[in-house]
């Protein structure tokens, strides 16, 4: 009976870890797709917007893409750091708040891409 309980426990732990990894992988893919979508519209936006600095408007598409991804990565690091710190300091439910932060960040990036696309 002990062997059967151990096998059952290993099976459930494996399923739990596998589903967490699968969820993480799907989140990674979704964020990458949203980042590329946002970057595509950002490059076109920089040519149309009067508020973009002149050096960025005159820059090549590669420089614009690099600037976007540097900013996107720094924003992601700052947002995740603040979320993890808040979860740790206030002892909040980890999965709930990390999922909420992920949804807000990815949804916000998608909304920003739509703003870049619709800017006259």
N, C-alpha and C. Protein backbone atom coordinates (compact mmCIF):
# COMPACT_ATOMS: atom_id res chain seq x y z
N UNK A 1 0.82 -1.20 0.00
CA UNK A 1 0.00 0.00 0.00
C UNK A 1 0.86 1.26 0.00
N UNK A 2 1.99 1.19 0.69
CA UNK A 2 2.89 2.34 0.75
C UNK A 2 3.43 2.68 -0.63
N UNK A 3 3.77 1.64 -1.40
CA UNK A 3 4.27 1.87 -2.75
C UNK A 3 3.20 2.52 -3.62
N UNK A 4 1.98 2.07 -3.51
CA UNK A 4 0.88 2.65 -4.28
C UNK A 4 0.65 4.11 -3.90
N UNK A 5 0.71 4.42 -2.61
CA UNK A 5 0.56 5.82 -2.17
C UNK A 5 1.69 6.69 -2.69
N UNK A 6 2.90 6.15 -2.69
CA UNK A 6 4.05 6.90 -3.17
C UNK A 6 3.92 7.18 -4.66
N UNK A 7 3.53 6.18 -5.42
CA UNK A 7 3.34 6.36 -6.86
C UNK A 7 2.24 7.38 -7.14
N UNK A 8 1.16 7.29 -6.40
CA UNK A 8 0.07 8.25 -6.57
C UNK A 8 0.54 9.67 -6.24
N UNK A 9 1.30 9.81 -5.17
CA UNK A 9 1.83 11.12 -4.79
C UNK A 9 2.75 11.67 -5.88
N UNK A 10 3.65 10.83 -6.40
CA UNK A 10 4.55 11.25 -7.47
C UNK A 10 3.78 11.66 -8.72
N UNK A 11 2.73 10.93 -9.03
CA UNK A 11 1.90 11.26 -10.19
C UNK A 11 1.26 12.63 -10.02
N UNK A 12 0.67 12.90 -8.85
CA UNK A 12 0.01 14.18 -8.63
C UNK A 12 1.01 15.34 -8.61
N UNK A 13 2.17 15.13 -8.01
CA UNK A 13 3.20 16.17 -8.00
C UNK A 13 3.67 16.44 -9.42
N UNK A 14 3.86 15.37 -10.19
CA UNK A 14 4.27 15.54 -11.59
C UNK A 14 3.25 16.30 -12.41
N UNK A 15 1.98 15.98 -12.21
CA UNK A 15 0.92 16.70 -12.92
C UNK A 15 0.87 18.17 -12.52
N UNK A 16 1.03 18.42 -11.23
CA UNK A 16 0.99 19.81 -10.76
C UNK A 16 2.15 20.61 -11.33
N UNK A 17 3.35 20.07 -11.25
CA UNK A 17 4.52 20.78 -11.77
C UNK A 17 4.44 20.92 -13.28
N UNK A 18 3.96 19.89 -13.95
CA UNK A 18 3.81 19.96 -15.40
C UNK A 18 2.82 21.01 -15.83
N UNK A 19 1.72 21.13 -15.10
CA UNK A 19 0.73 22.14 -15.47
C UNK A 19 1.25 23.54 -15.19
N UNK A 20 2.04 23.69 -14.12
CA UNK A 20 2.64 25.00 -13.84
C UNK A 20 3.62 25.37 -14.94
N UNK A 21 4.45 24.43 -15.35
CA UNK A 21 5.41 24.71 -16.43
C UNK A 21 4.70 24.99 -17.75
N UNK A 22 3.64 24.25 -18.04
CA UNK A 22 2.88 24.49 -19.27
C UNK A 22 2.23 25.87 -19.24
N UNK A 23 1.70 26.25 -18.10
CA UNK A 23 1.10 27.59 -17.96
C UNK A 23 2.15 28.67 -18.14
N UNK A 24 3.31 28.48 -17.52
CA UNK A 24 4.40 29.44 -17.67
C UNK A 24 4.83 29.56 -19.12
N UNK A 25 4.93 28.43 -19.82
CA UNK A 25 5.33 28.45 -21.23
C UNK A 25 4.31 29.19 -22.08
N UNK A 26 3.03 28.94 -21.85
CA UNK A 26 1.98 29.63 -22.60
C UNK A 26 2.01 31.13 -22.31
N UNK A 27 2.24 31.50 -21.05
CA UNK A 27 2.35 32.92 -20.69
C UNK A 27 3.54 33.56 -21.39
N UNK A 28 4.65 32.84 -21.47
CA UNK A 28 5.85 33.34 -22.14
C UNK A 28 5.57 33.58 -23.62
N UNK A 29 4.92 32.63 -24.27
CA UNK A 29 4.59 32.77 -25.69
C UNK A 29 3.63 33.94 -25.90
N UNK A 30 2.61 34.05 -25.06
CA UNK A 30 1.63 35.13 -25.21
C UNK A 30 2.30 36.49 -25.03
N UNK A 31 3.17 36.63 -24.04
CA UNK A 31 3.86 37.90 -23.83
C UNK A 31 4.77 38.22 -25.01
N UNK A 32 5.44 37.23 -25.56
CA UNK A 32 6.31 37.45 -26.72
C UNK A 32 5.51 37.93 -27.93
N UNK A 33 4.37 37.31 -28.16
CA UNK A 33 3.52 37.71 -29.29
C UNK A 33 3.02 39.15 -29.09
N UNK A 34 2.58 39.46 -27.89
CA UNK A 34 2.09 40.82 -27.61
C UNK A 34 3.22 41.84 -27.74
N UNK A 35 4.42 41.48 -27.29
CA UNK A 35 5.56 42.40 -27.40
C UNK A 35 5.90 42.67 -28.87
N UNK A 36 5.87 41.64 -29.70
CA UNK A 36 6.16 41.84 -31.11
C UNK A 36 5.08 42.66 -31.80
N UNK A 37 3.83 42.42 -31.43
CA UNK A 37 2.72 43.20 -31.96
C UNK A 37 2.87 44.68 -31.58
N UNK A 38 3.21 44.92 -30.33
CA UNK A 38 3.38 46.28 -29.83
C UNK A 38 4.59 46.95 -30.51
N UNK A 39 5.67 46.20 -30.66
CA UNK A 39 6.88 46.74 -31.31
C UNK A 39 6.59 47.13 -32.75
N UNK A 40 5.84 46.31 -33.46
CA UNK A 40 5.51 46.61 -34.86
C UNK A 40 4.77 47.95 -34.97
N UNK A 41 3.82 48.17 -34.10
CA UNK A 41 3.06 49.42 -34.14
C UNK A 41 3.86 50.60 -33.57
N UNK A 42 4.79 50.33 -32.66
CA UNK A 42 5.63 51.39 -32.10
C UNK A 42 6.53 51.99 -33.18
N UNK A 43 7.10 51.15 -34.02
CA UNK A 43 8.00 51.64 -35.08
C UNK A 43 7.24 52.57 -36.03
N UNK A 44 6.03 52.22 -36.39
CA UNK A 44 5.21 53.08 -37.26
C UNK A 44 4.76 54.34 -36.51
N UNK A 45 4.48 54.20 -35.22
CA UNK A 45 4.04 55.32 -34.39
C UNK A 45 5.11 56.41 -34.28
N UNK A 46 6.36 56.01 -34.19
CA UNK A 46 7.43 57.01 -34.01
C UNK A 46 7.54 57.94 -35.21
N UNK A 47 7.17 57.48 -36.37
CA UNK A 47 7.24 58.34 -37.55
C UNK A 47 6.09 59.34 -37.59
N UNK A 48 4.96 59.02 -36.95
CA UNK A 48 3.77 59.87 -37.02
C UNK A 48 3.60 60.84 -35.86
N UNK A 49 4.19 60.56 -34.72
CA UNK A 49 3.89 61.32 -33.51
C UNK A 49 4.86 62.49 -33.33
N UNK A 50 4.30 63.66 -33.06
CA UNK A 50 5.12 64.85 -32.85
C UNK A 50 5.79 64.86 -31.49
N UNK A 51 5.31 64.05 -30.55
CA UNK A 51 5.88 64.02 -29.20
C UNK A 51 7.10 63.12 -29.06
N UNK A 52 7.38 62.33 -30.08
CA UNK A 52 8.56 61.46 -30.07
C UNK A 52 9.79 62.33 -30.32
N UNK A 53 10.87 62.15 -29.56
CA UNK A 53 12.08 62.96 -29.76
C UNK A 53 12.61 62.85 -31.19
N UNK A 54 13.22 63.93 -31.65
CA UNK A 54 13.70 63.98 -33.04
C UNK A 54 14.75 62.89 -33.31
N UNK A 55 15.60 62.60 -32.33
CA UNK A 55 16.63 61.58 -32.56
C UNK A 55 16.01 60.21 -32.80
N UNK A 56 14.88 59.95 -32.16
CA UNK A 56 14.22 58.65 -32.34
C UNK A 56 13.46 58.61 -33.66
N UNK A 57 12.89 59.74 -34.06
CA UNK A 57 12.20 59.77 -35.36
C UNK A 57 13.19 59.57 -36.50
N UNK A 58 14.40 60.12 -36.35
CA UNK A 58 15.40 60.02 -37.41
C UNK A 58 16.15 58.69 -37.38
N UNK A 59 16.01 57.93 -36.33
CA UNK A 59 16.75 56.68 -36.18
C UNK A 59 16.22 55.60 -37.12
N UNK A 60 17.07 54.62 -37.35
CA UNK A 60 16.66 53.50 -38.21
C UNK A 60 15.65 52.62 -37.47
N UNK A 61 15.01 51.75 -38.22
CA UNK A 61 14.03 50.84 -37.62
C UNK A 61 14.67 49.92 -36.58
N UNK A 62 15.92 49.53 -36.82
CA UNK A 62 16.60 48.66 -35.85
C UNK A 62 16.82 49.36 -34.52
N UNK A 63 17.17 50.64 -34.56
CA UNK A 63 17.37 51.40 -33.32
C UNK A 63 16.03 51.58 -32.60
N UNK A 64 14.97 51.82 -33.37
CA UNK A 64 13.64 51.96 -32.76
C UNK A 64 13.22 50.65 -32.09
N UNK A 65 13.47 49.53 -32.76
CA UNK A 65 13.13 48.23 -32.17
C UNK A 65 13.94 47.97 -30.91
N UNK A 66 15.23 48.29 -30.96
CA UNK A 66 16.09 48.09 -29.79
C UNK A 66 15.61 48.96 -28.63
N UNK A 67 15.27 50.21 -28.90
CA UNK A 67 14.77 51.11 -27.86
C UNK A 67 13.48 50.56 -27.26
N UNK A 68 12.59 50.06 -28.10
CA UNK A 68 11.34 49.50 -27.60
C UNK A 68 11.59 48.30 -26.69
N UNK A 69 12.41 47.35 -27.15
CA UNK A 69 12.63 46.14 -26.36
C UNK A 69 13.39 46.42 -25.06
N UNK A 70 14.31 47.41 -25.08
CA UNK A 70 14.98 47.79 -23.84
C UNK A 70 13.97 48.34 -22.84
N UNK A 71 13.09 49.20 -23.31
CA UNK A 71 12.06 49.78 -22.44
C UNK A 71 11.09 48.71 -21.96
N UNK A 72 10.68 47.82 -22.85
CA UNK A 72 9.75 46.75 -22.49
C UNK A 72 10.36 45.84 -21.43
N UNK A 73 11.64 45.49 -21.60
CA UNK A 73 12.30 44.61 -20.63
C UNK A 73 12.45 45.30 -19.28
N UNK A 74 12.83 46.58 -19.27
CA UNK A 74 12.96 47.31 -18.01
C UNK A 74 11.61 47.45 -17.30
N UNK A 75 10.56 47.70 -18.07
CA UNK A 75 9.22 47.80 -17.47
C UNK A 75 8.79 46.46 -16.88
N UNK A 76 9.09 45.38 -17.59
CA UNK A 76 8.74 44.04 -17.08
C UNK A 76 9.50 43.73 -15.80
N UNK A 77 10.79 44.03 -15.77
CA UNK A 77 11.59 43.77 -14.57
C UNK A 77 11.07 44.59 -13.40
N UNK A 78 10.78 45.86 -13.63
CA UNK A 78 10.27 46.72 -12.56
C UNK A 78 8.91 46.24 -12.05
N UNK A 79 8.03 45.88 -12.98
CA UNK A 79 6.69 45.44 -12.58
C UNK A 79 6.74 44.13 -11.80
N UNK A 80 7.51 43.17 -12.28
CA UNK A 80 7.60 41.89 -11.58
C UNK A 80 8.29 42.05 -10.23
N UNK A 81 9.32 42.88 -10.16
CA UNK A 81 10.01 43.11 -8.88
C UNK A 81 9.06 43.72 -7.86
N UNK A 82 8.30 44.72 -8.29
CA UNK A 82 7.35 45.36 -7.38
C UNK A 82 6.27 44.37 -6.93
N UNK A 83 5.80 43.53 -7.85
CA UNK A 83 4.77 42.55 -7.50
C UNK A 83 5.29 41.51 -6.52
N UNK A 84 6.48 40.98 -6.79
CA UNK A 84 7.06 39.97 -5.89
C UNK A 84 7.32 40.58 -4.52
N UNK A 85 7.81 41.81 -4.49
CA UNK A 85 8.06 42.49 -3.22
C UNK A 85 6.76 42.70 -2.44
N UNK A 86 5.72 43.14 -3.14
CA UNK A 86 4.42 43.35 -2.48
C UNK A 86 3.84 42.04 -1.95
N UNK A 87 3.95 40.97 -2.74
CA UNK A 87 3.46 39.66 -2.30
C UNK A 87 4.22 39.20 -1.06
N UNK A 88 5.53 39.44 -1.04
CA UNK A 88 6.35 39.01 0.09
C UNK A 88 6.08 39.87 1.34
N UNK A 89 6.05 41.18 1.17
CA UNK A 89 5.89 42.09 2.32
C UNK A 89 4.52 41.94 2.96
N UNK A 90 3.47 41.91 2.15
CA UNK A 90 2.11 41.87 2.69
C UNK A 90 1.53 40.46 2.78
N UNK A 91 2.35 39.45 2.48
CA UNK A 91 1.95 38.05 2.58
C UNK A 91 0.64 37.79 1.81
N UNK A 92 0.64 38.19 0.54
CA UNK A 92 -0.53 38.03 -0.32
C UNK A 92 -0.50 36.65 -0.99
N UNK A 93 -1.63 36.18 -1.49
CA UNK A 93 -1.65 34.90 -2.22
C UNK A 93 -0.81 35.02 -3.51
N UNK A 94 0.19 34.18 -3.63
CA UNK A 94 1.16 34.30 -4.72
C UNK A 94 0.54 34.15 -6.10
N UNK A 95 -0.14 33.06 -6.33
CA UNK A 95 -0.67 32.80 -7.67
C UNK A 95 -1.69 33.85 -8.10
N UNK A 96 -2.49 34.30 -7.18
CA UNK A 96 -3.52 35.30 -7.50
C UNK A 96 -2.88 36.60 -7.96
N UNK A 97 -1.95 37.11 -7.17
CA UNK A 97 -1.38 38.42 -7.48
C UNK A 97 -0.37 38.37 -8.62
N UNK A 98 0.38 37.29 -8.74
CA UNK A 98 1.28 37.18 -9.88
C UNK A 98 0.49 37.02 -11.18
N UNK A 99 -0.61 36.29 -11.14
CA UNK A 99 -1.48 36.17 -12.31
C UNK A 99 -2.13 37.49 -12.67
N UNK A 100 -2.54 38.23 -11.66
CA UNK A 100 -3.13 39.55 -11.89
C UNK A 100 -2.10 40.50 -12.51
N UNK A 101 -0.89 40.48 -11.98
CA UNK A 101 0.17 41.34 -12.53
C UNK A 101 0.50 40.96 -13.96
N UNK A 102 0.56 39.66 -14.24
CA UNK A 102 0.82 39.21 -15.61
C UNK A 102 -0.28 39.68 -16.55
N UNK A 103 -1.52 39.52 -16.13
CA UNK A 103 -2.65 39.92 -16.97
C UNK A 103 -2.64 41.42 -17.23
N UNK A 104 -2.36 42.20 -16.21
CA UNK A 104 -2.32 43.65 -16.37
C UNK A 104 -1.18 44.08 -17.28
N UNK A 105 -0.01 43.45 -17.12
CA UNK A 105 1.14 43.82 -17.95
C UNK A 105 0.92 43.45 -19.41
N UNK A 106 0.51 42.22 -19.65
CA UNK A 106 0.30 41.78 -21.03
C UNK A 106 -0.89 42.51 -21.66
N UNK A 107 -1.96 42.67 -20.91
CA UNK A 107 -3.12 43.43 -21.42
C UNK A 107 -2.79 44.89 -21.65
N UNK A 108 -1.98 45.46 -20.76
CA UNK A 108 -1.55 46.86 -20.94
C UNK A 108 -0.69 47.03 -22.17
N UNK A 109 0.20 46.08 -22.42
CA UNK A 109 1.04 46.14 -23.62
C UNK A 109 0.18 46.03 -24.88
N UNK A 110 -0.83 45.16 -24.85
CA UNK A 110 -1.73 45.03 -25.99
C UNK A 110 -2.52 46.32 -26.20
N UNK A 111 -2.99 46.93 -25.12
CA UNK A 111 -3.69 48.21 -25.22
C UNK A 111 -2.79 49.31 -25.75
N UNK A 112 -1.53 49.31 -25.32
CA UNK A 112 -0.57 50.29 -25.82
C UNK A 112 -0.34 50.12 -27.32
N UNK A 113 -0.28 48.87 -27.77
CA UNK A 113 -0.12 48.61 -29.20
C UNK A 113 -1.30 49.15 -29.98
N UNK A 114 -2.49 48.99 -29.46
CA UNK A 114 -3.68 49.53 -30.14
C UNK A 114 -3.66 51.05 -30.14
N UNK A 115 -3.14 51.67 -29.08
CA UNK A 115 -2.99 53.13 -29.08
C UNK A 115 -2.00 53.55 -30.17
N UNK A 116 -0.86 52.86 -30.25
CA UNK A 116 0.13 53.18 -31.29
C UNK A 116 -0.47 53.04 -32.67
N UNK A 117 -1.30 52.02 -32.85
CA UNK A 117 -1.91 51.77 -34.15
C UNK A 117 -2.93 52.85 -34.52
N UNK A 118 -3.70 53.34 -33.56
CA UNK A 118 -4.78 54.27 -33.85
C UNK A 118 -4.36 55.73 -33.79
N UNK A 119 -3.14 56.00 -33.34
CA UNK A 119 -2.70 57.39 -33.23
C UNK A 119 -2.65 58.00 -34.63
N UNK A 120 -3.25 59.18 -34.79
CA UNK A 120 -3.32 59.77 -36.15
C UNK A 120 -1.99 60.17 -36.72
